[in-house]
Protein backbone atom coordinates (compact mmCIF):
# COMPACT_ATOMS: atom_id res chain seq x y z
CA MET A 1 -78.05 12.20 33.11
CA GLN A 2 -76.01 13.70 30.35
CA VAL A 3 -73.99 12.22 27.44
CA ASN A 4 -71.70 13.75 25.76
CA ILE A 5 -69.39 12.10 22.99
CA ILE A 6 -65.51 13.57 22.83
CA MET A 7 -63.14 13.04 19.89
CA GLN A 8 -59.71 13.73 20.91
CA LYS A 9 -57.25 15.03 18.66
CA GLU A 10 -53.17 14.93 19.82
CA ASN A 11 -53.18 17.65 22.75
CA GLU A 12 -56.43 18.30 21.92
CA ASN A 13 -60.21 17.47 23.81
CA THR A 14 -57.71 15.18 25.74
CA LEU A 15 -58.57 12.41 28.61
CA ALA A 16 -55.69 13.60 30.56
CA ASN A 17 -56.57 17.47 30.50
CA ALA A 18 -60.23 15.91 31.41
CA ILE A 19 -58.97 14.10 34.18
CA SER A 20 -56.35 16.71 35.54
CA THR A 21 -59.00 19.03 35.27
CA CYS A 22 -61.65 17.10 37.48
CA LEU A 23 -58.89 16.39 40.60
CA GLU A 24 -57.76 20.22 40.49
CA GLU A 25 -61.50 20.97 41.17
CA ASN A 26 -61.09 18.62 44.15
CA ALA A 27 -63.70 15.94 43.83
CA LYS A 28 -64.58 14.08 46.85
CA LYS A 29 -63.86 10.64 45.46
CA ALA A 30 -62.26 9.12 42.50
CA TYR A 31 -62.52 5.82 40.92
CA PHE A 32 -60.69 4.40 38.43
CA PHE A 33 -61.52 0.94 36.93
CA ILE A 34 -58.38 0.35 34.10
CA GLY A 35 -57.53 -2.82 32.40
CA ASN A 36 -54.58 -1.76 30.94
CA PHE A 37 -52.27 0.76 32.80
CA LYS A 38 -49.34 2.11 31.93
CA GLU A 39 -46.58 3.68 33.68
CA THR A 40 -46.24 6.65 30.82
CA GLY A 41 -50.14 7.36 31.61
CA TYR A 42 -49.40 6.93 35.17
CA LYS A 43 -47.01 9.50 35.47
CA ILE A 44 -49.16 11.96 33.72
CA ILE A 45 -52.52 11.41 36.19
CA GLU A 46 -49.60 11.45 39.14
CA GLU A 47 -48.84 14.80 38.29
CA ASP A 48 -52.18 15.49 39.98
CA LEU A 49 -52.32 13.30 42.37
CA ILE A 50 -49.95 15.23 44.93
CA ASP A 51 -51.35 16.66 47.74
CA ILE A 52 -54.71 16.39 47.10
CA LYS A 53 -57.74 15.39 49.52
CA THR A 54 -59.83 13.36 46.90
CA LYS A 55 -60.55 9.58 48.06
CA LEU A 56 -59.19 7.92 45.81
CA TYR A 57 -59.70 4.31 44.60
CA PHE A 58 -58.08 2.49 42.28
CA ALA A 59 -59.00 -1.49 40.13
CA ILE A 60 -56.22 -1.88 37.68
CA GLY A 61 -54.97 -5.27 35.50
CA ILE A 62 -51.41 -5.83 35.68
CA ASP A 63 -49.26 -8.32 33.31
CA LYS A 64 -45.77 -8.33 33.04
CA LYS A 65 -44.87 -6.89 29.78
CA THR A 66 -46.01 -2.95 31.06
CA THR A 67 -46.62 -3.09 34.22
CA THR A 68 -43.36 -1.67 36.93
CA ARG A 69 -42.88 -1.83 39.99
CA SER A 70 -42.32 1.51 40.86
CA MET A 71 -45.73 2.23 39.34
CA LEU A 72 -47.62 0.18 41.99
CA GLU A 73 -45.18 0.87 44.89
CA GLY A 74 -46.65 4.54 44.13
CA LEU A 75 -49.85 3.87 43.74
CA ILE A 76 -50.19 2.71 47.50
CA ASP A 77 -48.23 5.62 48.65
CA TYR A 78 -51.51 7.46 47.90
CA THR A 79 -54.22 5.28 48.87
CA ASP A 80 -54.67 2.02 50.26
CA ASP A 81 -58.07 0.97 47.99
CA VAL A 82 -55.50 -0.41 44.99
CA TYR A 83 -57.02 -3.65 43.89
CA TYR A 84 -55.40 -5.61 40.81
CA TYR A 85 -55.90 -8.36 38.25
CA SER A 86 -53.62 -10.24 36.64
CA ASN A 87 -54.09 -10.20 32.54
CA ASN A 88 -51.09 -12.89 32.64
CA ASN A 89 -53.54 -15.46 32.41
CA LEU A 90 -56.22 -16.26 29.54
CA ASN A 91 -58.95 -14.28 30.16
CA GLU A 92 -57.95 -10.14 31.15
CA PHE A 93 -59.33 -6.97 32.44
CA VAL A 94 -60.61 -4.62 30.01
CA SER A 95 -61.86 -1.67 30.92
CA THR A 96 -60.77 2.48 31.11
CA ILE A 97 -63.38 4.18 33.10
CA CYS A 98 -62.22 6.70 35.43
CA ILE A 99 -65.18 8.69 38.02
CA PHE A 100 -65.04 11.91 39.69
CA GLU A 101 -68.25 12.33 42.76
CA TYR A 102 -68.26 16.08 43.92
CA THR A 103 -71.41 17.18 46.38
CA ASP A 104 -73.60 18.47 43.13
CA ARG A 105 -72.36 16.20 40.37
CA ALA A 106 -70.43 13.33 38.79
CA TYR A 107 -68.05 12.54 35.88
CA VAL A 108 -68.15 9.56 34.43
CA TYR A 109 -65.56 8.87 31.04
CA VAL A 110 -65.43 5.94 29.46
CA SER A 111 -62.89 5.37 26.77
CA SER A 112 -62.02 2.52 24.41
CA SER A 113 -57.77 3.59 24.91
CA ASN A 114 -55.77 2.18 27.55
CA ILE A 115 -54.31 4.39 29.80
CA SER A 116 -50.78 5.27 28.47
CA GLU A 117 -49.17 8.85 27.16
CA SER A 118 -50.21 8.36 23.70
CA GLY A 119 -53.44 6.66 24.68
CA ILE A 120 -55.02 9.69 26.30
CA GLN A 121 -52.75 12.70 24.98
CA THR A 122 -52.02 12.13 21.46
CA ASP A 123 -53.75 9.12 19.95
CA LEU A 124 -56.95 10.37 18.03
CA SER A 125 -59.41 8.31 19.79
CA ILE A 126 -63.35 8.84 21.10
CA TYR A 127 -64.05 8.65 24.22
CA THR A 128 -67.73 9.34 26.21
CA LYS A 129 -68.82 11.96 29.37
CA ILE A 130 -71.48 11.19 31.38
CA THR A 131 -72.56 14.16 33.71
CA TYR A 132 -74.69 13.20 36.94
CA ASN A 133 -76.83 15.72 38.49
CA LEU A 134 -75.94 14.79 42.61
CA LYS A 135 -79.23 17.20 43.03
CA ASP A 136 -81.43 15.00 41.21
CA ALA A 137 -82.97 11.91 43.53
CA SER A 138 -83.21 9.82 40.33
CA ASP A 139 -79.62 10.52 38.83
CA LYS A 140 -78.21 10.14 42.09
CA GLN A 141 -79.69 6.91 42.77
CA GLU A 142 -78.71 5.64 39.10
CA TYR A 143 -75.15 6.96 40.08
CA LYS A 144 -74.78 4.77 43.21
CA ASN A 145 -76.37 2.19 41.58
CA HIS A 146 -73.64 1.95 38.47
CA VAL A 147 -70.26 2.38 41.00
CA LYS A 148 -71.98 -0.45 43.22
CA GLU A 149 -71.95 -2.30 40.55
CA LEU A 150 -68.35 -1.80 39.59
CA GLN A 151 -67.51 -2.25 43.32
CA LYS A 152 -68.94 -5.50 43.45
CA MET A 153 -67.76 -6.73 40.40
CA VAL A 154 -64.48 -6.21 42.06
CA THR A 155 -65.10 -7.89 44.94
CA ASP A 156 -66.52 -10.78 43.76
CA ASN A 157 -64.32 -11.59 40.95
CA ASP A 158 -60.13 -12.51 41.12
CA PHE A 159 -59.32 -9.01 42.33
CA GLU A 160 -56.30 -9.11 45.06
CA LYS A 161 -55.75 -6.15 47.82
CA LEU A 162 -52.08 -4.48 46.41
CA ASP A 163 -50.05 -3.70 49.21
CA LYS A 164 -46.07 -4.28 50.15
CA ASN A 165 -46.04 -7.80 50.22
CA ALA A 166 -48.23 -8.81 47.21
CA ILE A 167 -45.87 -6.90 45.13
CA GLU A 168 -43.03 -8.44 46.58
CA LYS A 169 -44.96 -11.31 45.28
CA LEU A 170 -45.63 -10.55 42.10
CA VAL A 171 -41.64 -9.71 41.35
CA GLU A 172 -40.73 -12.92 42.62
CA ASN A 173 -43.53 -14.93 40.54
CA LYS A 174 -42.56 -12.45 37.70
CA GLU A 175 -46.14 -11.35 37.02
CA ILE A 176 -44.90 -7.85 36.54
CA PHE A 177 -42.14 -6.14 34.25
CA SER A 178 -38.64 -6.97 35.83
CA THR A 179 -35.52 -7.63 34.44
CA ARG A 180 -35.10 -10.67 36.91
CA GLN A 181 -37.87 -12.61 34.52
CA TYR A 182 -35.20 -12.39 31.79
CA ASN A 183 -32.22 -14.62 33.60
CA HIS A 184 -32.24 -17.88 32.46
CA THR A 185 -30.47 -21.30 32.61
CA VAL A 186 -29.71 -23.31 29.14
CA MET A 187 -30.30 -26.78 29.54
CA SER A 188 -28.17 -29.46 28.46
CA ILE A 189 -28.58 -31.88 25.74
CA SER A 190 -29.65 -34.89 28.16
CA GLU A 191 -31.83 -32.75 29.96
CA LEU A 192 -33.57 -31.70 26.62
CA LEU A 193 -34.07 -35.55 26.05
CA GLY A 194 -35.02 -36.39 29.80
CA LYS A 195 -32.55 -37.57 31.12
CA LYS A 196 -30.58 -36.58 34.06
CA ASP A 197 -26.47 -35.94 33.59
CA LYS A 198 -24.66 -38.42 35.59
CA LYS A 199 -21.64 -37.62 37.25
CA GLU A 200 -19.19 -39.92 37.16
CA GLU A 201 -17.62 -41.52 40.70
CA PRO A 202 -14.15 -42.24 40.49
CA LYS A 203 -13.24 -45.47 41.07
CA LYS A 204 -12.59 -47.03 45.10
CA ASP A 205 -9.13 -48.31 43.37
CA GLU A 206 -8.05 -44.87 41.57
CA LEU A 207 -6.69 -42.37 42.96
CA SER A 208 -8.19 -39.08 42.19
CA LYS A 209 -6.23 -36.29 40.30
CA GLU A 210 -6.22 -34.57 43.41
CA GLU A 211 -4.56 -37.20 45.38
CA ILE A 212 -2.19 -38.06 42.56
CA ASP A 213 -0.64 -34.31 42.56
CA ASP A 214 -0.30 -34.29 46.46
CA VAL A 215 1.51 -37.65 46.18
CA TYR A 216 3.86 -35.43 43.40
CA LYS A 217 4.20 -32.37 46.13
CA LYS A 218 5.42 -34.50 49.15
CA ASP A 219 9.50 -34.72 49.31
CA ILE A 220 9.25 -38.29 50.15
CA GLU A 221 12.78 -39.92 50.79
CA ILE A 222 13.81 -42.99 48.32
CA PRO A 223 15.02 -45.77 51.06
CA LYS A 224 18.42 -47.25 50.71
CA ILE A 225 18.64 -51.16 51.28
CA ASP A 226 21.54 -52.77 52.52
CA LEU A 227 22.54 -55.99 50.46
CA SER A 228 25.96 -56.13 51.65
CA ASP A 229 24.68 -59.37 53.18
CA ILE A 230 22.98 -60.77 50.54
CA SER A 231 24.80 -63.03 47.67
CA ILE A 232 23.27 -63.43 43.79
CA ASP A 233 23.79 -66.43 42.28
CA ILE A 234 22.94 -66.32 38.69
CA ASP A 235 22.97 -69.93 37.23
CA ILE A 236 23.93 -69.94 33.18
CA PRO A 237 23.59 -72.93 30.93
CA GLU A 238 26.38 -74.44 30.00
CA GLU A 239 25.82 -74.05 26.20
CA ALA A 240 25.30 -70.31 26.67
CA GLU A 241 28.50 -69.61 28.84
CA THR A 242 30.49 -71.46 25.80
CA LYS A 243 29.31 -69.14 23.60
CA VAL A 244 29.65 -65.67 25.48
CA LYS A 245 33.71 -67.30 25.98
CA GLU A 246 34.04 -67.28 22.17
CA ASP A 247 32.64 -64.59 21.03
CA ILE A 248 34.17 -62.29 23.51
CA ALA A 249 37.90 -62.09 24.45
CA ILE A 250 38.83 -60.24 27.33
CA ASP A 251 43.12 -59.26 27.04
CA TYR A 252 44.67 -58.32 30.22
CA VAL A 253 46.69 -55.35 29.07
CA GLU A 254 47.17 -52.37 31.04
CA ASP A 255 44.30 -53.51 32.88
CA LYS A 256 41.63 -52.19 29.74
CA ILE A 257 39.53 -53.81 28.40
CA THR A 258 39.26 -54.66 24.95
CA LEU A 259 36.68 -55.46 22.57
CA PRO A 260 36.08 -57.75 19.46
CA LYS A 261 36.15 -55.59 16.19
CA ASP A 262 33.33 -57.20 15.55
CA ILE A 263 30.93 -56.13 17.88
CA GLU A 264 28.59 -53.04 17.22
CA GLN A 265 29.37 -49.66 18.78
CA TYR A 266 26.50 -48.16 19.91
CA GLU A 267 26.18 -44.24 19.78
CA GLU A 268 25.84 -42.10 23.36
CA VAL A 269 24.44 -39.63 24.20
CA GLU A 270 26.81 -37.64 25.40
CA GLU A 271 30.00 -37.16 22.12
CA LYS A 272 32.77 -38.18 22.81
CA GLU A 273 36.74 -38.87 21.36
CA ASP A 274 37.21 -41.86 19.52
CA VAL A 275 40.73 -43.28 20.14
CA ILE A 276 42.76 -46.21 17.90
CA ASP A 277 45.56 -47.30 20.43
CA GLU A 278 48.62 -48.55 18.61
CA ASN A 279 46.92 -52.23 18.05
CA ASN A 280 44.54 -49.96 16.31
CA GLU A 281 41.70 -51.37 18.86
CA LEU A 282 39.27 -48.50 19.35
CA TYR A 283 38.19 -47.76 22.44
CA ASP A 284 36.74 -44.37 24.47
CA ALA A 285 39.09 -41.86 25.35
CA SER A 286 37.27 -41.09 28.50
CA MET A 287 37.35 -44.74 30.32
CA LYS A 288 41.22 -43.75 29.99
CA ASP A 289 41.02 -41.38 33.58
CA ASP A 290 38.86 -43.93 35.29
CA GLU A 291 40.48 -47.48 34.32
CA LEU A 292 38.49 -50.34 35.66
CA ASP A 293 40.43 -52.19 38.16
CA LEU A 294 38.93 -55.74 38.10
CA SER A 295 40.84 -56.68 41.20
CA GLU A 296 38.53 -54.48 43.14
CA THR A 297 35.65 -55.41 44.80
CA LEU A 298 32.05 -54.01 43.41
CA ASP A 299 29.74 -52.04 45.67
CA ILE A 300 26.65 -53.20 44.11
CA ASN A 301 24.61 -51.55 46.72
CA ASP A 302 26.19 -47.98 46.66
CA MET A 303 25.90 -48.60 42.86
CA LEU A 304 22.28 -49.20 42.41
CA PHE A 305 20.47 -47.79 45.53
CA SER A 306 21.32 -44.32 47.48
CA LYS A 307 19.78 -41.41 48.66
CA ALA A 308 18.00 -39.29 45.96
CA ASP A 309 20.03 -36.12 45.97
CA ILE A 310 17.61 -33.95 43.50
CA LYS A 311 13.75 -33.72 43.80
CA LEU A 312 12.41 -35.08 41.20
CA ASP A 313 10.85 -33.27 38.48
CA VAL A 314 7.39 -34.35 38.07
CA LYS A 315 5.06 -32.74 35.11
CA SER A 316 1.89 -31.86 36.93
CA SER A 317 -1.07 -33.88 35.70
CA LYS A 318 -3.15 -30.95 34.81
CA PRO A 319 -2.88 -29.54 31.36
CA LYS A 320 -1.62 -25.98 31.20
CA LYS A 321 -4.31 -23.71 29.78
CA LYS A 322 -3.39 -22.33 26.35
CA LYS A 323 -4.73 -19.28 24.68
CA GLU A 324 -5.72 -20.27 21.21
CA LYS A 325 -5.13 -17.58 18.67
CA GLU A 326 -8.87 -16.78 18.63
CA THR A 327 -9.29 -15.95 22.11
CA ILE A 328 -5.95 -13.45 21.75
CA ASP A 329 -7.70 -11.95 18.80
CA GLU A 330 -10.91 -11.28 20.88
CA GLU A 331 -9.17 -9.99 23.93
CA GLU A 332 -7.90 -7.57 21.32
CA ASN A 333 -10.73 -5.99 20.24
CA ILE A 334 -12.38 -5.87 23.56
CA VAL A 335 -13.14 -2.00 23.99
CA LYS A 336 -11.67 -0.59 27.07
CA THR A 337 -14.26 2.29 28.37
CA LYS A 338 -14.02 4.61 31.00
CA LYS A 339 -16.35 4.34 34.04
CA VAL A 340 -17.65 8.25 34.18
CA ASN A 341 -17.98 9.47 37.52
CA LEU A 342 -21.55 10.73 38.21
CA ASN A 343 -20.87 13.14 40.72
CA ASN A 344 -18.54 14.77 38.35
CA VAL A 345 -21.08 15.04 35.36
CA THR A 346 -21.19 18.75 33.87
CA ASN A 347 -23.19 17.46 30.69
CA LEU A 348 -27.39 16.54 30.65
CA ILE A 349 -28.36 15.77 26.79
CA PHE A 350 -31.68 14.46 26.41
CA GLU A 351 -34.58 14.40 24.19
CA VAL A 352 -37.56 16.86 25.97
CA SER A 353 -41.33 15.78 26.04
CA ALA A 354 -43.44 18.33 24.33
CA LYS A 355 -43.98 21.48 26.17
CA ASN A 356 -46.68 21.67 28.35
CA SER A 357 -49.46 23.93 27.74
CA LYS A 358 -49.99 25.00 31.27
CA GLU A 359 -46.03 25.56 31.73
CA GLU A 360 -44.81 27.05 28.92
CA ASN A 361 -41.96 28.19 30.91
CA THR A 362 -40.66 24.87 31.87
CA VAL A 363 -38.35 22.02 30.50
CA ARG A 364 -38.90 18.89 32.34
CA VAL A 365 -36.39 16.45 33.87
CA PRO A 366 -37.61 12.74 34.73
CA ASN A 367 -36.93 12.14 38.69
CA HIS A 368 -34.83 8.87 38.34
CA VAL A 369 -31.90 11.16 36.00
CA ARG A 370 -32.28 14.19 39.44
CA THR A 371 -31.35 10.61 41.36
CA MET A 372 -29.04 9.46 39.33
CA ILE A 373 -26.49 12.89 39.40
CA PRO A 374 -28.27 14.50 42.15
CA GLU A 375 -24.69 16.87 42.06
CA PHE A 376 -25.43 18.12 39.17
CA PHE A 377 -28.82 19.83 40.30
CA GLY A 378 -27.76 20.41 44.21
CA LEU A 379 -31.35 20.36 45.24
CA ASP A 380 -30.43 17.92 48.42
CA GLU A 381 -28.93 22.04 50.23
CA ALA A 382 -32.06 23.75 48.23
CA GLU A 383 -34.42 25.74 50.07
CA SER A 384 -38.17 24.72 50.49
CA GLU A 385 -40.64 27.25 49.69
CA GLU A 386 -44.07 27.21 49.40
CA ILE A 387 -45.99 27.48 46.24
CA ASN A 388 -49.50 27.43 45.51
CA GLY A 389 -50.22 26.00 49.16
CA THR A 390 -47.63 23.11 47.66
CA ILE A 391 -43.91 22.86 49.21
CA TYR A 392 -41.36 22.94 46.73
CA LYS A 393 -37.45 22.17 47.37
CA VAL A 394 -36.14 25.55 44.95
CA LYS A 395 -32.86 26.64 43.69
CA ASN A 396 -31.94 29.75 42.22
CA ILE A 397 -29.83 30.01 39.09
CA SER A 398 -28.57 31.90 36.50
CA LEU A 399 -29.73 30.82 33.23
CA GLU A 400 -27.83 31.40 29.76
CA LEU A 401 -30.35 30.27 26.80
CA VAL A 402 -29.90 29.57 23.83
CA ASN A 403 -31.89 28.31 20.35
CA ALA A 404 -29.43 26.33 18.05
CA LYS A 405 -31.64 26.69 15.08
CA THR A 406 -31.98 30.74 15.22
CA ASN A 407 -28.61 31.33 17.71
CA GLU A 408 -30.28 33.34 19.52
CA LYS A 409 -29.29 34.07 22.96
CA TYR A 410 -30.79 35.05 26.59
CA THR A 411 -29.99 35.30 29.98
CA ASP A 412 -32.21 35.06 32.87
CA LYS A 413 -30.50 35.52 36.29
CA GLU A 414 -34.07 34.81 38.63
CA ALA A 415 -34.57 31.26 36.91
CA LYS A 416 -35.08 28.54 39.40
CA ILE A 417 -34.67 24.66 39.77
CA THR A 418 -37.64 23.24 41.49
CA TYR A 419 -39.04 19.99 42.62
CA LYS A 420 -41.98 18.75 44.24
CA PRO A 421 -41.67 16.00 46.70
CA LYS A 422 -43.29 12.79 44.90
CA GLN A 423 -43.12 14.26 41.56
CA SER A 424 -41.69 12.40 38.68
CA TYR A 425 -40.03 15.10 37.31
CA LEU A 426 -37.75 18.22 38.42
CA THR A 427 -38.62 21.46 36.21
CA PHE A 428 -35.95 23.94 35.20
CA VAL A 429 -38.29 27.53 35.16
CA SER A 430 -37.57 30.73 33.41
CA ASP A 431 -39.83 32.77 31.93
CA MET A 432 -37.22 33.46 28.75
CA LEU A 433 -38.23 29.84 27.71
CA ASN A 434 -41.79 31.34 26.33
CA ASN A 435 -39.21 32.86 23.77
CA ILE A 436 -37.97 29.43 22.44
CA SER A 437 -40.90 26.80 21.63
CA TYR A 438 -39.87 23.33 21.30
CA GLU A 439 -41.44 20.16 20.11
CA GLU A 440 -41.67 16.35 20.85
CA ASN A 441 -38.10 14.53 20.39
CA ASP A 442 -35.85 17.73 20.23
CA ILE A 443 -32.84 17.30 22.43
CA VAL A 444 -32.13 19.81 25.11
CA ARG A 445 -28.42 20.24 26.41
CA ILE A 446 -27.85 21.20 29.66
CA ILE A 447 -24.34 22.33 30.73
CA LYS A 448 -23.57 23.30 34.63
CA MET A 449 -20.97 26.08 34.36
CA SER A 450 -20.76 26.88 38.15
CA GLU A 451 -22.98 25.80 41.16
CA ASN A 452 -25.75 28.25 40.31
CA GLU A 453 -24.83 29.03 36.98
CA TYR A 454 -26.31 26.70 34.06
CA HIS A 455 -25.79 26.88 30.34
CA MET A 456 -29.40 25.27 28.26
CA GLU A 457 -29.30 24.93 24.49
CA ILE A 458 -33.09 23.69 22.90
CA VAL A 459 -31.59 21.76 19.38
CA ASP A 460 -34.12 21.10 16.99
CA LYS A 461 -34.74 17.60 15.36
CA ASN A 462 -34.84 19.19 11.99
CA ILE A 463 -30.93 20.87 11.95
CA GLN A 464 -27.75 19.25 11.41
CA GLU A 465 -26.45 19.75 14.91
CA TYR A 466 -29.23 17.31 16.26
CA LYS A 467 -27.57 14.67 14.58
CA VAL A 468 -24.01 15.13 16.50
CA TRP A 469 -25.88 15.23 20.43
CA SER A 470 -28.56 12.70 19.12
CA LYS A 471 -25.24 10.14 19.17
CA LEU A 472 -24.41 11.13 22.39
CA CYS A 473 -27.98 10.07 24.00
CA ASN A 474 -27.03 6.27 24.36
CA GLN A 475 -29.08 6.06 27.56
CA THR A 476 -32.65 4.81 27.86
CA PHE A 477 -35.37 6.76 30.29
CA ARG A 478 -37.94 4.32 32.21
CA ALA A 479 -40.77 3.37 30.72
CA SER A 480 -39.69 5.26 27.46
CA THR A 481 -38.59 5.47 24.08
CA LYS A 482 -36.48 8.62 24.84
CA LYS A 483 -33.15 9.03 25.26
CA PHE A 484 -30.73 10.94 27.76
CA GLY A 485 -26.45 11.10 28.05
CA VAL A 486 -24.56 12.72 30.28
CA MET A 487 -20.31 13.59 30.07
């Protein structure tokens, strides 16, 4: 057995490169005991899990802050041996051990960092590499004992097997990261005080508002009552009768009624002309045409009760909603935005990751952007091509490259867009990219000129033009702080 202590610096002696190298060498078995497994670290490891024959085993910790559904679904696509431990409880699973077993040797990497993009690539950290010689009997036995102890730890503790049903259960119980966990209802004051809201039930003797509205809405005919056969006798006391005769004098002059001067005149709703006759008696001019014939018999029945000719204009009991001034002001301040048709996108602007040391001639675009704007890349009709024993989707394009910092331009008519199934990114490949260096968070702007012709600009973060394009990056990549935008 041999033990080496390795210091990881930014993109130097990284644990990510050590894991990648072991998987590329076709290890027979690979064991991962990871307590804090983030999606950014999973995407780095995933690049080397595609199309390998290595038997994989994962024992991971999950939590609602960093564990995503897409990562768990990706793991069970590569192997059935995935076990998880919930770190949402008081006791957590803390470990970073990666084991790679070959026919004649085995490597064990033990690190204090978590498995994330920074933890296995850029952070300053120290990890230990243990090498076992499996040709040596003692080394082989010691190695097997360690692996059995780790697997027994998984079996004896609260680890559960991960499958599709388990993932659904984790999402439903909000034990992994999900937007659904932020949906909540605001409790009322009575609920906060421990009391239940009681809905007032309308009394049986009272009509509800709906019932009242129904009554007003109906065209109800007012009944006509016949009082022709009813005689009404009114008993007036003698004292009152005498008083009335003294106060009111009725003169029968030209069949008109004249009131004494000392009786108060009341204003009417409609304005009428006042007329003074020859005897200085004030009377209403409107009465001239409709003179009262006292000899006629008055039909009280017809005067008081008749069928309604006009429908009553009843105001609804429901108050009309009036927009307050504040509400109107808020509506006026609303910014209306036009929804982008993603099928017509011609510009993609994004903050790029650092250049891959193994692929200096490439620019990577996250896969979920491909699924969002598939027409922009046009890989659905691309031809399948075998590269290094793996089937890729390949689209041949003409690419114009511009270095915005130096204004240097390059043209590559043999550039390609490639995508490997289950890969977390697609790649623009051009030998001209070797002439342009870019760093983490520089901006790449890709313009689709035609179906097979693209324009690409590399914008350094230290030039003024960077500030302009960064404002258009208003969307965030999944499980990353980098941003992108489309036009």
